[in-house]
Structure formats: C-alpha cells, structure tokens
Amino acid sequence: MTEEFPHTITFQKPTRTGDGGGGGGEITWEDAFTTEAHVQPLSSNQIAQNQALETPVDHRVYYPARNDVKPDMRVLHGENILDVQSKPLDQGGLDEIHMLRCQMR
C-alpha cells in the first residue's frame, strides 16, 4: 500500500440464485477482487448538501484505474459495506485513478 492508497478494499459482484420456480431468487455477493484504495468519508456539510439534492452519497472511494468495476458492485472496507452510487469517474483525465461515490449501509 502507498500513502496515496492507504486502505485495502474488496469489490463484490452480485449473483442471483434461482428459486427453482422461475423466479428471481435471492442476491448473494461474491468477491470479485481486492485492491488498494483511499476511502474518504464526506464531511457532515457535504452529506447535508447531497441530501438536499437527494443524492445518497456519504463516501468517496479512490483506487487505481481498472476496467472491470461496474455500478452494480459493492465495496467492502473493513466491516463496512459501501453501495456504489455512481459509475467509475476518471480523476485527472489520465485514466490512472478512478473514483466512486458510495453510500454506507
């Protein structure tokens, strides 16, 4: 880990289990990959602004750019589960660092 990415996170992808009767079944979560990251909680002021805009975001997650992160994934950070609320956003335009807006469960 580097100073730029002091945390370790695991991305999980959803899988749907069939109920045997043709229905959707339950969603279970499967580890996709683990990577270094910087998980940044938003300030109470930023959270209030997001709530006023009805945007459920209370964390930003920065990580080395990858092409396999999807908006339907979630992030595990220690004991915390962060639901992804945005597509990956390129930081700086060089496709080196991506950022996700997330909400803690």
PDB file of N, CA and C in Angstrom:
ATOM      1  N   MET A   1       0.842  -1.183   0.000  1.00  0.00           N
ATOM      2  CA  MET A   1       0.000   0.000   0.000  1.00  0.00           C
ATOM      3  C   MET A   1       0.884   1.242   0.000  1.00  0.00           C
ATOM      4  N   THR A   2       0.382   2.267  -0.625  1.00  0.00           N
ATOM      5  CA  THR A   2       1.123   3.515  -0.686  1.00  0.00           C
ATOM      6  C   THR A   2       0.398   4.565   0.153  1.00  0.00           C
ATOM      7  N   GLU A   3       1.058   5.699   0.343  1.00  0.00           N
ATOM      8  CA  GLU A   3       0.409   6.794   1.067  1.00  0.00           C
ATOM      9  C   GLU A   3      -0.820   7.290   0.307  1.00  0.00           C
ATOM     10  N   GLU A   4      -0.752   7.215  -1.023  1.00  0.00           N
ATOM     11  CA  GLU A   4      -1.877   7.651  -1.842  1.00  0.00           C
ATOM     12  C   GLU A   4      -3.094   6.730  -1.651  1.00  0.00           C
ATOM     13  N   PHE A   5      -2.838   5.443  -1.450  1.00  0.00           N
ATOM     14  CA  PHE A   5      -3.890   4.444  -1.263  1.00  0.00           C
ATOM     15  C   PHE A   5      -3.634   3.675   0.027  1.00  0.00           C
ATOM     16  N   PRO A   6      -3.983   4.252   1.175  1.00  0.00           N
ATOM     17  CA  PRO A   6      -3.649   3.626   2.455  1.00  0.00           C
ATOM     18  C   PRO A   6      -4.588   2.501   2.900  1.00  0.00           C
ATOM     19  N   HIS A   7      -5.665   2.249   2.149  1.00  0.00           N
ATOM     20  CA  HIS A   7      -6.645   1.244   2.555  1.00  0.00           C
ATOM     21  C   HIS A   7      -6.663   0.058   1.593  1.00  0.00           C
ATOM     22  N   THR A   8      -7.213  -1.040   2.061  1.00  0.00           N
ATOM     23  CA  THR A   8      -7.455  -2.206   1.222  1.00  0.00           C
ATOM     24  C   THR A   8      -8.961  -2.430   1.179  1.00  0.00           C
ATOM     25  N   ILE A   9      -9.501  -2.592  -0.035  1.00  0.00           N
ATOM     26  CA  ILE A   9     -10.931  -2.824  -0.204  1.00  0.00           C
ATOM     27  C   ILE A   9     -11.143  -4.057  -1.069  1.00  0.00           C
ATOM     28  N   THR A  10     -12.333  -4.615  -0.959  1.00  0.00           N
ATOM     29  CA  THR A  10     -12.720  -5.732  -1.814  1.00  0.00           C
ATOM     30  C   THR A  10     -13.989  -5.351  -2.553  1.00  0.00           C
ATOM     31  N   PHE A  11     -13.959  -5.481  -3.868  1.00  0.00           N
ATOM     32  CA  PHE A  11     -15.158  -5.287  -4.677  1.00  0.00           C
ATOM     33  C   PHE A  11     -15.901  -6.614  -4.730  1.00  0.00           C
ATOM     34  N   GLN A  12     -17.209  -6.533  -4.581  1.00  0.00           N
ATOM     35  CA  GLN A  12     -18.047  -7.718  -4.687  1.00  0.00           C
ATOM     36  C   GLN A  12     -19.049  -7.507  -5.813  1.00  0.00           C
ATOM     37  N   LYS A  13     -19.381  -8.605  -6.505  1.00  0.00           N
ATOM     38  CA  LYS A  13     -20.370  -8.541  -7.569  1.00  0.00           C
ATOM     39  C   LYS A  13     -21.592  -9.364  -7.167  1.00  0.00           C
ATOM     40  N   PRO A  14     -22.770  -8.933  -7.600  1.00  0.00           N
ATOM     41  CA  PRO A  14     -23.984  -9.654  -7.233  1.00  0.00           C
ATOM     42  C   PRO A  14     -24.182 -10.885  -8.106  1.00  0.00           C
ATOM     43  N   THR A  15     -24.699 -11.933  -7.503  1.00  0.00           N
ATOM     44  CA  THR A  15     -25.137 -13.106  -8.253  1.00  0.00           C
ATOM     45  C   THR A  15     -26.529 -13.447  -7.754  1.00  0.00           C
ATOM     46  N   ARG A  16     -27.381 -13.819  -8.669  1.00  0.00           N
ATOM     47  CA  ARG A  16     -28.765 -14.128  -8.312  1.00  0.00           C
ATOM     48  C   ARG A  16     -28.927 -15.641  -8.305  1.00  0.00           C
ATOM     49  N   THR A  17     -29.448 -16.158  -7.207  1.00  0.00           N
ATOM     50  CA  THR A  17     -29.703 -17.583  -7.098  1.00  0.00           C
ATOM     51  C   THR A  17     -31.157 -17.835  -7.473  1.00  0.00           C
ATOM     52  N   GLY A  18     -31.385 -18.817  -8.313  1.00  0.00           N
ATOM     53  CA  GLY A  18     -32.743 -19.148  -8.733  1.00  0.00           C
ATOM     54  C   GLY A  18     -33.529 -19.761  -7.585  1.00  0.00           C
ATOM     55  N   ASP A  19     -34.839 -19.557  -7.624  1.00  0.00           N
ATOM     56  CA  ASP A  19     -35.675 -20.130  -6.571  1.00  0.00           C
ATOM     57  C   ASP A  19     -36.276 -21.467  -6.984  1.00  0.00           C
ATOM     58  N   GLY A  20     -35.904 -21.966  -8.177  1.00  0.00           N
ATOM     59  CA  GLY A  20     -36.393 -23.251  -8.655  1.00  0.00           C
ATOM     60  C   GLY A  20     -37.742 -23.166  -9.325  1.00  0.00           C
ATOM     61  N   GLY A  21     -38.417 -22.056  -9.192  1.00  0.00           N
ATOM     62  CA  GLY A  21     -39.732 -21.905  -9.790  1.00  0.00           C
ATOM     63  C   GLY A  21     -39.768 -20.872 -10.893  1.00  0.00           C
ATOM     64  N   GLY A  22     -38.616 -20.486 -11.383  1.00  0.00           N
ATOM     65  CA  GLY A  22     -38.557 -19.493 -12.448  1.00  0.00           C
ATOM     66  C   GLY A  22     -38.486 -18.064 -11.955  1.00  0.00           C
ATOM     67  N   GLY A  23     -38.527 -17.887 -10.633  1.00  0.00           N
ATOM     68  CA  GLY A  23     -38.446 -16.540 -10.066  1.00  0.00           C
ATOM     69  C   GLY A  23     -37.006 -16.077  -9.947  1.00  0.00           C
ATOM     70  N   GLY A  24     -36.839 -14.861  -9.534  1.00  0.00           N
ATOM     71  CA  GLY A  24     -35.517 -14.262  -9.445  1.00  0.00           C
ATOM     72  C   GLY A  24     -34.631 -14.810  -8.349  1.00  0.00           C
ATOM     73  N   GLY A  25     -35.214 -15.293  -7.279  1.00  0.00           N
ATOM     74  CA  GLY A  25     -34.402 -15.802  -6.184  1.00  0.00           C
ATOM     75  C   GLY A  25     -33.754 -14.684  -5.390  1.00  0.00           C
ATOM     76  N   GLU A  26     -32.710 -15.049  -4.657  1.00  0.00           N
ATOM     77  CA  GLU A  26     -32.007 -14.095  -3.796  1.00  0.00           C
ATOM     78  C   GLU A  26     -30.724 -13.613  -4.449  1.00  0.00           C
ATOM     79  N   ILE A  27     -30.296 -12.419  -4.050  1.00  0.00           N
ATOM     80  CA  ILE A  27     -28.997 -11.906  -4.484  1.00  0.00           C
ATOM     81  C   ILE A  27     -27.976 -12.280  -3.427  1.00  0.00           C
ATOM     82  N   THR A  28     -26.892 -12.889  -3.855  1.00  0.00           N
ATOM     83  CA  THR A  28     -25.755 -13.139  -2.983  1.00  0.00           C
ATOM     84  C   THR A  28     -24.579 -12.362  -3.545  1.00  0.00           C
ATOM     85  N   TRP A  29     -23.561 -12.165  -2.707  1.00  0.00           N
ATOM     86  CA  TRP A  29     -22.417 -11.352  -3.112  1.00  0.00           C
ATOM     87  C   TRP A  29     -21.171 -12.215  -3.142  1.00  0.00           C
ATOM     88  N   GLU A  30     -20.421 -12.080  -4.226  1.00  0.00           N
ATOM     89  CA  GLU A  30     -19.211 -12.865  -4.451  1.00  0.00           C
ATOM     90  C   GLU A  30     -18.027 -11.909  -4.604  1.00  0.00           C
ATOM     91  N   ASP A  31     -16.917 -12.199  -3.917  1.00  0.00           N
ATOM     92  CA  ASP A  31     -15.727 -11.365  -4.058  1.00  0.00           C
ATOM     93  C   ASP A  31     -15.256 -11.390  -5.502  1.00  0.00           C
ATOM     94  N   ALA A  32     -15.028 -10.198  -6.073  1.00  0.00           N
ATOM     95  CA  ALA A  32     -14.519 -10.083  -7.440  1.00  0.00           C
ATOM     96  C   ALA A  32     -13.008  -9.874  -7.419  1.00  0.00           C
ATOM     97  N   PHE A  33     -12.540  -8.910  -6.614  1.00  0.00           N
ATOM     98  CA  PHE A  33     -11.105  -8.653  -6.488  1.00  0.00           C
ATOM     99  C   PHE A  33     -10.859  -7.717  -5.318  1.00  0.00           C
ATOM    100  N   THR A  34      -9.629  -7.701  -4.858  1.00  0.00           N
ATOM    101  CA  THR A  34      -9.184  -6.823  -3.776  1.00  0.00           C
ATOM    102  C   THR A  34      -8.137  -5.878  -4.349  1.00  0.00           C
ATOM    103  N   THR A  35      -8.159  -4.632  -3.894  1.00  0.00           N
ATOM    104  CA  THR A  35      -7.211  -3.643  -4.395  1.00  0.00           C
ATOM    105  C   THR A  35      -6.914  -2.612  -3.313  1.00  0.00           C
ATOM    106  N   GLU A  36      -5.877  -1.843  -3.531  1.00  0.00           N
ATOM    107  CA  GLU A  36      -5.579  -0.728  -2.650  1.00  0.00           C
ATOM    108  C   GLU A  36      -6.518   0.426  -2.998  1.00  0.00           C
ATOM    109  N   ALA A  37      -6.751   1.300  -2.030  1.00  0.00           N
ATOM    110  CA  ALA A  37      -7.699   2.394  -2.237  1.00  0.00           C
ATOM    111  C   ALA A  37      -7.509   3.476  -1.191  1.00  0.00           C
ATOM    112  N   HIS A  38      -8.214   4.556  -1.392  1.00  0.00           N
ATOM    113  CA  HIS A  38      -8.349   5.597  -0.377  1.00  0.00           C
ATOM    114  C   HIS A  38      -9.849   5.802  -0.190  1.00  0.00           C
ATOM    115  N   VAL A  39     -10.353   5.430   0.983  1.00  0.00           N
ATOM    116  CA  VAL A  39     -11.777   5.566   1.300  1.00  0.00           C
ATOM    117  C   VAL A  39     -11.934   6.836   2.115  1.00  0.00           C
ATOM    118  N   GLN A  40     -12.712   7.783   1.585  1.00  0.00           N
ATOM    119  CA  GLN A  40     -12.832   9.111   2.191  1.00  0.00           C
ATOM    120  C   GLN A  40     -14.284   9.390   2.583  1.00  0.00           C
ATOM    121  N   PRO A  41     -14.574   9.390   3.889  1.00  0.00           N
ATOM    122  CA  PRO A  41     -15.912   9.802   4.313  1.00  0.00           C
ATOM    123  C   PRO A  41     -16.110  11.284   4.003  1.00  0.00           C
ATOM    124  N   LEU A  42     -17.318  11.648   3.617  1.00  0.00           N
ATOM    125  CA  LEU A  42     -17.611  13.050   3.363  1.00  0.00           C
ATOM    126  C   LEU A  42     -17.846  13.772   4.676  1.00  0.00           C
ATOM    127  N   SER A  43     -17.655  15.067   4.676  1.00  0.00           N
ATOM    128  CA  SER A  43     -17.934  15.875   5.863  1.00  0.00           C
ATOM    129  C   SER A  43     -19.445  15.961   6.058  1.00  0.00           C
ATOM    130  N   SER A  44     -19.866  16.312   7.250  1.00  0.00           N
ATOM    131  CA  SER A  44     -21.305  16.439   7.527  1.00  0.00           C
ATOM    132  C   SER A  44     -21.929  17.507   6.635  1.00  0.00           C
ATOM    133  N   ASN A  45     -21.170  18.532   6.312  1.00  0.00           N
ATOM    134  CA  ASN A  45     -21.646  19.585   5.416  1.00  0.00           C
ATOM    135  C   ASN A  45     -21.902  19.027   4.016  1.00  0.00           C
ATOM    136  N   GLN A  46     -20.956  18.226   3.510  1.00  0.00           N
ATOM    137  CA  GLN A  46     -21.111  17.625   2.181  1.00  0.00           C
ATOM    138  C   GLN A  46     -22.284  16.642   2.159  1.00  0.00           C
ATOM    139  N   ILE A  47     -22.451  15.886   3.233  1.00  0.00           N
ATOM    140  CA  ILE A  47     -23.565  14.940   3.312  1.00  0.00           C
ATOM    141  C   ILE A  47     -24.894  15.698   3.290  1.00  0.00           C
ATOM    142  N   ALA A  48     -24.978  16.808   4.031  1.00  0.00           N
ATOM    143  CA  ALA A  48     -26.202  17.615   4.050  1.00  0.00           C
ATOM    144  C   ALA A  48     -26.510  18.163   2.660  1.00  0.00           C
ATOM    145  N   GLN A  49     -25.490  18.610   1.942  1.00  0.00           N
ATOM    146  CA  GLN A  49     -25.687  19.107   0.580  1.00  0.00           C
ATOM    147  C   GLN A  49     -26.205  17.995  -0.323  1.00  0.00           C
ATOM    148  N   ASN A  50     -25.635  16.797  -0.190  1.00  0.00           N
ATOM    149  CA  ASN A  50     -26.085  15.668  -1.008  1.00  0.00           C
ATOM    150  C   ASN A  50     -27.527  15.292  -0.681  1.00  0.00           C
ATOM    151  N   GLN A  51     -27.882  15.331   0.601  1.00  0.00           N
ATOM    152  CA  GLN A  51     -29.247  15.008   0.992  1.00  0.00           C
ATOM    153  C   GLN A  51     -30.232  16.020   0.417  1.00  0.00           C
ATOM    154  N   ALA A  52     -29.829  17.283   0.378  1.00  0.00           N
ATOM    155  CA  ALA A  52     -30.689  18.312  -0.201  1.00  0.00           C
ATOM    156  C   ALA A  52     -30.928  18.044  -1.685  1.00  0.00           C
ATOM    157  N   LEU A  53     -29.941  17.456  -2.344  1.00  0.00           N
ATOM    158  CA  LEU A  53     -30.059  17.108  -3.763  1.00  0.00           C
ATOM    159  C   LEU A  53     -30.618  15.699  -3.952  1.00  0.00           C
ATOM    160  N   GLU A  54     -30.982  15.048  -2.842  1.00  0.00           N
ATOM    161  CA  GLU A  54     -31.477  13.672  -2.843  1.00  0.00           C
ATOM    162  C   GLU A  54     -30.471  12.711  -3.480  1.00  0.00           C
ATOM    163  N   THR A  55     -29.194  12.922  -3.160  1.00  0.00           N
ATOM    164  CA  THR A  55     -28.122  12.059  -3.627  1.00  0.00           C
ATOM    165  C   THR A  55     -27.592  11.275  -2.437  1.00  0.00           C
ATOM    166  N   PRO A  56     -27.817   9.962  -2.405  1.00  0.00           N
ATOM    167  CA  PRO A  56     -27.410   9.168  -1.235  1.00  0.00           C
ATOM    168  C   PRO A  56     -25.916   8.817  -1.259  1.00  0.00           C
ATOM    169  N   VAL A  57     -25.080   9.799  -0.984  1.00  0.00           N
ATOM    170  CA  VAL A  57     -23.631   9.581  -1.023  1.00  0.00           C
ATOM    171  C   VAL A  57     -23.027  10.076   0.285  1.00  0.00           C
ATOM    172  N   ASP A  58     -22.202   9.228   0.939  1.00  0.00           N
ATOM    173  CA  ASP A  58     -21.507   9.672   2.142  1.00  0.00           C
ATOM    174  C   ASP A  58     -20.028   9.282   2.149  1.00  0.00           C
ATOM    175  N   HIS A  59     -19.558   8.648   1.065  1.00  0.00           N
ATOM    176  CA  HIS A  59     -18.139   8.280   0.929  1.00  0.00           C
ATOM    177  C   HIS A  59     -17.698   8.427  -0.526  1.00  0.00           C
ATOM    178  N   ARG A  60     -16.424   8.716  -0.683  1.00  0.00           N
ATOM    179  CA  ARG A  60     -15.768   8.639  -1.990  1.00  0.00           C
ATOM    180  C   ARG A  60     -14.691   7.570  -1.873  1.00  0.00           C
ATOM    181  N   VAL A  61     -14.583   6.745  -2.894  1.00  0.00           N
ATOM    182  CA  VAL A  61     -13.580   5.678  -2.916  1.00  0.00           C
ATOM    183  C   VAL A  61     -12.696   5.895  -4.136  1.00  0.00           C
ATOM    184  N   TYR A  62     -11.405   6.134  -3.889  1.00  0.00           N
ATOM    185  CA  TYR A  62     -10.420   6.322  -4.946  1.00  0.00           C
ATOM    186  C   TYR A  62      -9.578   5.044  -5.033  1.00  0.00           C
ATOM    187  N   TYR A  63      -9.266   4.602  -6.255  1.00  0.00           N
ATOM    188  CA  TYR A  63      -8.497   3.367  -6.442  1.00  0.00           C
ATOM    189  C   TYR A  63      -7.773   3.425  -7.786  1.00  0.00           C
ATOM    190  N   PRO A  64      -6.703   2.632  -7.960  1.00  0.00           N
ATOM    191  CA  PRO A  64      -6.019   2.611  -9.249  1.00  0.00           C
ATOM    192  C   PRO A  64      -6.997   2.199 -10.351  1.00  0.00           C
ATOM    193  N   ALA A  65      -6.949   2.888 -11.478  1.00  0.00           N
ATOM    194  CA  ALA A  65      -7.905   2.675 -12.562  1.00  0.00           C
ATOM    195  C   ALA A  65      -7.960   1.210 -12.994  1.00  0.00           C
ATOM    196  N   ARG A  66      -9.175   0.749 -13.206  1.00  0.00           N
ATOM    197  CA  ARG A  66      -9.449  -0.612 -13.693  1.00  0.00           C
ATOM    198  C   ARG A  66     -10.648  -0.517 -14.625  1.00  0.00           C
ATOM    199  N   ASN A  67     -10.759  -1.489 -15.520  1.00  0.00           N
ATOM    200  CA  ASN A  67     -11.891  -1.508 -16.445  1.00  0.00           C
ATOM    201  C   ASN A  67     -12.989  -2.473 -16.016  1.00  0.00           C
ATOM    202  N   ASP A  68     -12.809  -3.176 -14.893  1.00  0.00           N
ATOM    203  CA  ASP A  68     -13.764  -4.215 -14.513  1.00  0.00           C
ATOM    204  C   ASP A  68     -14.662  -3.820 -13.340  1.00  0.00           C
ATOM    205  N   VAL A  69     -14.692  -2.548 -12.969  1.00  0.00           N
ATOM    206  CA  VAL A  69     -15.581  -2.083 -11.901  1.00  0.00           C
ATOM    207  C   VAL A  69     -16.903  -1.667 -12.537  1.00  0.00           C
ATOM    208  N   LYS A  70     -17.997  -2.216 -12.007  1.00  0.00           N
ATOM    209  CA  LYS A  70     -19.330  -1.955 -12.551  1.00  0.00           C
ATOM    210  C   LYS A  70     -20.205  -1.294 -11.480  1.00  0.00           C
ATOM    211  N   PRO A  71     -21.173  -0.465 -11.899  1.00  0.00           N
ATOM    212  CA  PRO A  71     -22.029   0.233 -10.939  1.00  0.00           C
ATOM    213  C   PRO A  71     -22.890  -0.681 -10.060  1.00  0.00           C
ATOM    214  N   ASP A  72     -23.075  -1.954 -10.449  1.00  0.00           N
ATOM    215  CA  ASP A  72     -23.889  -2.850  -9.620  1.00  0.00           C
ATOM    216  C   ASP A  72     -23.069  -3.553  -8.542  1.00  0.00           C
ATOM    217  N   MET A  73     -21.785  -3.245  -8.450  1.00  0.00           N
ATOM    218  CA  MET A  73     -20.922  -3.845  -7.433  1.00  0.00           C
ATOM    219  C   MET A  73     -21.083  -3.109  -6.106  1.00  0.00           C
ATOM    220  N   ARG A  74     -20.509  -3.686  -5.070  1.00  0.00           N
ATOM    221  CA  ARG A  74     -20.413  -3.009  -3.787  1.00  0.00           C
ATOM    222  C   ARG A  74     -18.980  -3.142  -3.294  1.00  0.00           C
ATOM    223  N   VAL A  75     -18.638  -2.346  -2.280  1.00  0.00           N
ATOM    224  CA  VAL A  75     -17.274  -2.279  -1.765  1.00  0.00           C
ATOM    225  C   VAL A  75     -17.275  -2.698  -0.299  1.00  0.00           C
ATOM    226  N   LEU A  76     -16.367  -3.597   0.057  1.00  0.00           N
ATOM    227  CA  LEU A  76     -16.141  -3.932   1.462  1.00  0.00           C
ATOM    228  C   LEU A  76     -14.900  -3.199   1.924  1.00  0.00           C
ATOM    229  N   HIS A  77     -15.038  -2.454   3.019  1.00  0.00           N
ATOM    230  CA  HIS A  77     -13.918  -1.735   3.614  1.00  0.00           C
ATOM    231  C   HIS A  77     -13.945  -2.047   5.098  1.00  0.00           C
ATOM    232  N   GLY A  78     -13.109  -2.976   5.525  1.00  0.00           N
ATOM    233  CA  GLY A  78     -13.164  -3.438   6.902  1.00  0.00           C
ATOM    234  C   GLY A  78     -14.515  -4.099   7.146  1.00  0.00           C
ATOM    235  N   GLU A  79     -15.215  -3.637   8.165  1.00  0.00           N
ATOM    236  CA  GLU A  79     -16.538  -4.168   8.487  1.00  0.00           C
ATOM    237  C   GLU A  79     -17.652  -3.424   7.740  1.00  0.00           C
ATOM    238  N   ASN A  80     -17.291  -2.405   6.984  1.00  0.00           N
ATOM    239  CA  ASN A  80     -18.284  -1.561   6.319  1.00  0.00           C
ATOM    240  C   ASN A  80     -18.610  -2.060   4.921  1.00  0.00           C
ATOM    241  N   ILE A  81     -19.877  -1.941   4.560  1.00  0.00           N
ATOM    242  CA  ILE A  81     -20.341  -2.229   3.206  1.00  0.00           C
ATOM    243  C   ILE A  81     -20.743  -0.905   2.580  1.00  0.00           C
ATOM    244  N   LEU A  82     -20.159  -0.603   1.427  1.00  0.00           N
ATOM    245  CA  LEU A  82     -20.464   0.633   0.711  1.00  0.00           C
ATOM    246  C   LEU A  82     -21.161   0.281  -0.594  1.00  0.00           C
ATOM    247  N   ASP A  83     -22.377   0.777  -0.774  1.00  0.00           N
ATOM    248  CA  ASP A  83     -23.112   0.568  -2.018  1.00  0.00           C
ATOM    249  C   ASP A  83     -22.667   1.620  -3.027  1.00  0.00           C
ATOM    250  N   VAL A  84     -22.306   1.182  -4.213  1.00  0.00           N
ATOM    251  CA  VAL A  84     -21.850   2.084  -5.266  1.00  0.00           C
ATOM    252  C   VAL A  84     -23.040   2.869  -5.805  1.00  0.00           C
ATOM    253  N   GLN A  85     -22.884   4.191  -5.896  1.00  0.00           N
ATOM    254  CA  GLN A  85     -23.950   5.079  -6.355  1.00  0.00           C
ATOM    255  C   GLN A  85     -23.599   5.808  -7.654  1.00  0.00           C
ATOM    256  N   SER A  86     -22.445   5.474  -8.256  1.00  0.00           N
ATOM    257  CA  SER A  86     -22.046   6.139  -9.499  1.00  0.00           C
ATOM    258  C   SER A  86     -21.239   5.173 -10.346  1.00  0.00           C
ATOM    259  N   LYS A  87     -21.066   5.529 -11.592  1.00  0.00           N
ATOM    260  CA  LYS A  87     -20.119   4.780 -12.412  1.00  0.00           C
ATOM    261  C   LYS A  87     -18.719   5.260 -12.037  1.00  0.00           C
ATOM    262  N   PRO A  88     -17.671   4.503 -12.356  1.00  0.00           N
ATOM    263  CA  PRO A  88     -16.310   4.965 -12.058  1.00  0.00           C
ATOM    264  C   PRO A  88     -16.019   6.284 -12.785  1.00  0.00           C
ATOM    265  N   LEU A  89     -15.461   7.234 -12.063  1.00  0.00           N
ATOM    266  CA  LEU A  89     -15.149   8.551 -12.612  1.00  0.00           C
ATOM    267  C   LEU A  89     -13.637   8.727 -12.676  1.00  0.00           C
ATOM    268  N   ASP A  90     -13.138   9.061 -13.857  1.00  0.00           N
ATOM    269  CA  ASP A  90     -11.697   9.275 -14.061  1.00  0.00           C
ATOM    270  C   ASP A  90     -11.273  10.565 -13.367  1.00  0.00           C
ATOM    271  N   GLN A  91     -10.254  10.482 -12.546  1.00  0.00           N
ATOM    272  CA  GLN A  91      -9.742  11.650 -11.834  1.00  0.00           C
ATOM    273  C   GLN A  91      -8.515  12.174 -12.557  1.00  0.00           C
ATOM    274  N   GLY A  92      -8.591  13.374 -13.053  1.00  0.00           N
ATOM    275  CA  GLY A  92      -7.444  13.993 -13.700  1.00  0.00           C
ATOM    276  C   GLY A  92      -7.348  13.743 -15.193  1.00  0.00           C
ATOM    277  N   GLY A  93      -8.192  12.908 -15.752  1.00  0.00           N
ATOM    278  CA  GLY A  93      -8.221  12.692 -17.195  1.00  0.00           C
ATOM    279  C   GLY A  93      -7.127  11.806 -17.753  1.00  0.00           C
ATOM    280  N   LEU A  94      -6.310  11.190 -16.895  1.00  0.00           N
ATOM    281  CA  LEU A  94      -5.205  10.360 -17.380  1.00  0.00           C
ATOM    282  C   LEU A  94      -5.492   8.860 -17.250  1.00  0.00           C
ATOM    283  N   ASP A  95      -6.676   8.515 -16.776  1.00  0.00           N
ATOM    284  CA  ASP A  95      -7.092   7.121 -16.585  1.00  0.00           C
ATOM    285  C   ASP A  95      -6.110   6.361 -15.698  1.00  0.00           C
ATOM    286  N   GLU A  96      -5.646   7.049 -14.630  1.00  0.00           N
ATOM    287  CA  GLU A  96      -4.755   6.425 -13.655  1.00  0.00           C
ATOM    288  C   GLU A  96      -5.470   6.144 -12.337  1.00  0.00           C
ATOM    289  N   ILE A  97      -6.367   7.058 -11.943  1.00  0.00           N
ATOM    290  CA  ILE A  97      -7.101   6.927 -10.689  1.00  0.00           C
ATOM    291  C   ILE A  97      -8.585   7.102 -10.993  1.00  0.00           C
ATOM    292  N   HIS A  98      -9.387   6.182 -10.465  1.00  0.00           N
ATOM    293  CA  HIS A  98     -10.838   6.292 -10.597  1.00  0.00           C
ATOM    294  C   HIS A  98     -11.448   6.554  -9.228  1.00  0.00           C
ATOM    295  N   MET A  99     -12.650   7.140  -9.238  1.00  0.00           N
ATOM    296  CA  MET A  99     -13.373   7.441  -8.009  1.00  0.00           C
ATOM    297  C   MET A  99     -14.805   6.973  -8.154  1.00  0.00           C
ATOM    298  N   LEU A 100     -15.329   6.428  -7.048  1.00  0.00           N
ATOM    299  CA  LEU A 100     -16.740   6.049  -6.965  1.00  0.00           C
ATOM    300  C   LEU A 100     -17.400   6.846  -5.853  1.00  0.00           C
ATOM    301  N   ARG A 101     -18.642   7.220  -6.062  1.00  0.00           N
ATOM    302  CA  ARG A 101     -19.462   7.793  -4.989  1.00  0.00           C
ATOM    303  C   ARG A 101     -20.246   6.647  -4.384  1.00  0.00           C
ATOM    304  N   CYS A 102     -20.212   6.547  -3.060  1.00  0.00           N
ATOM    305  CA  CYS A 102     -20.823   5.399  -2.381  1.00  0.00           C
ATOM    306  C   CYS A 102     -21.644   5.835  -1.170  1.00  0.00           C
ATOM    307  N   GLN A 103     -22.509   4.917  -0.731  1.00  0.00           N
ATOM    308  CA  GLN A 103     -23.280   5.124   0.490  1.00  0.00           C
ATOM    309  C   GLN A 103     -23.094   3.924   1.391  1.00  0.00           C
ATOM    310  N   MET A 104     -22.768   4.182   2.677  1.00  0.00           N
ATOM    311  CA  MET A 104     -22.593   3.108   3.634  1.00  0.00           C
ATOM    312  C   MET A 104     -23.945   2.557   4.048  1.00  0.00           C
ATOM    313  N   ARG A 105     -24.020   1.236   4.155  1.00  0.00           N
ATOM    314  CA  ARG A 105     -25.251   0.587   4.650  1.00  0.00           C
ATOM    315  C   ARG A 105     -25.385   0.773   6.125  1.00  0.00           C
TER     316      ARG A 105
END
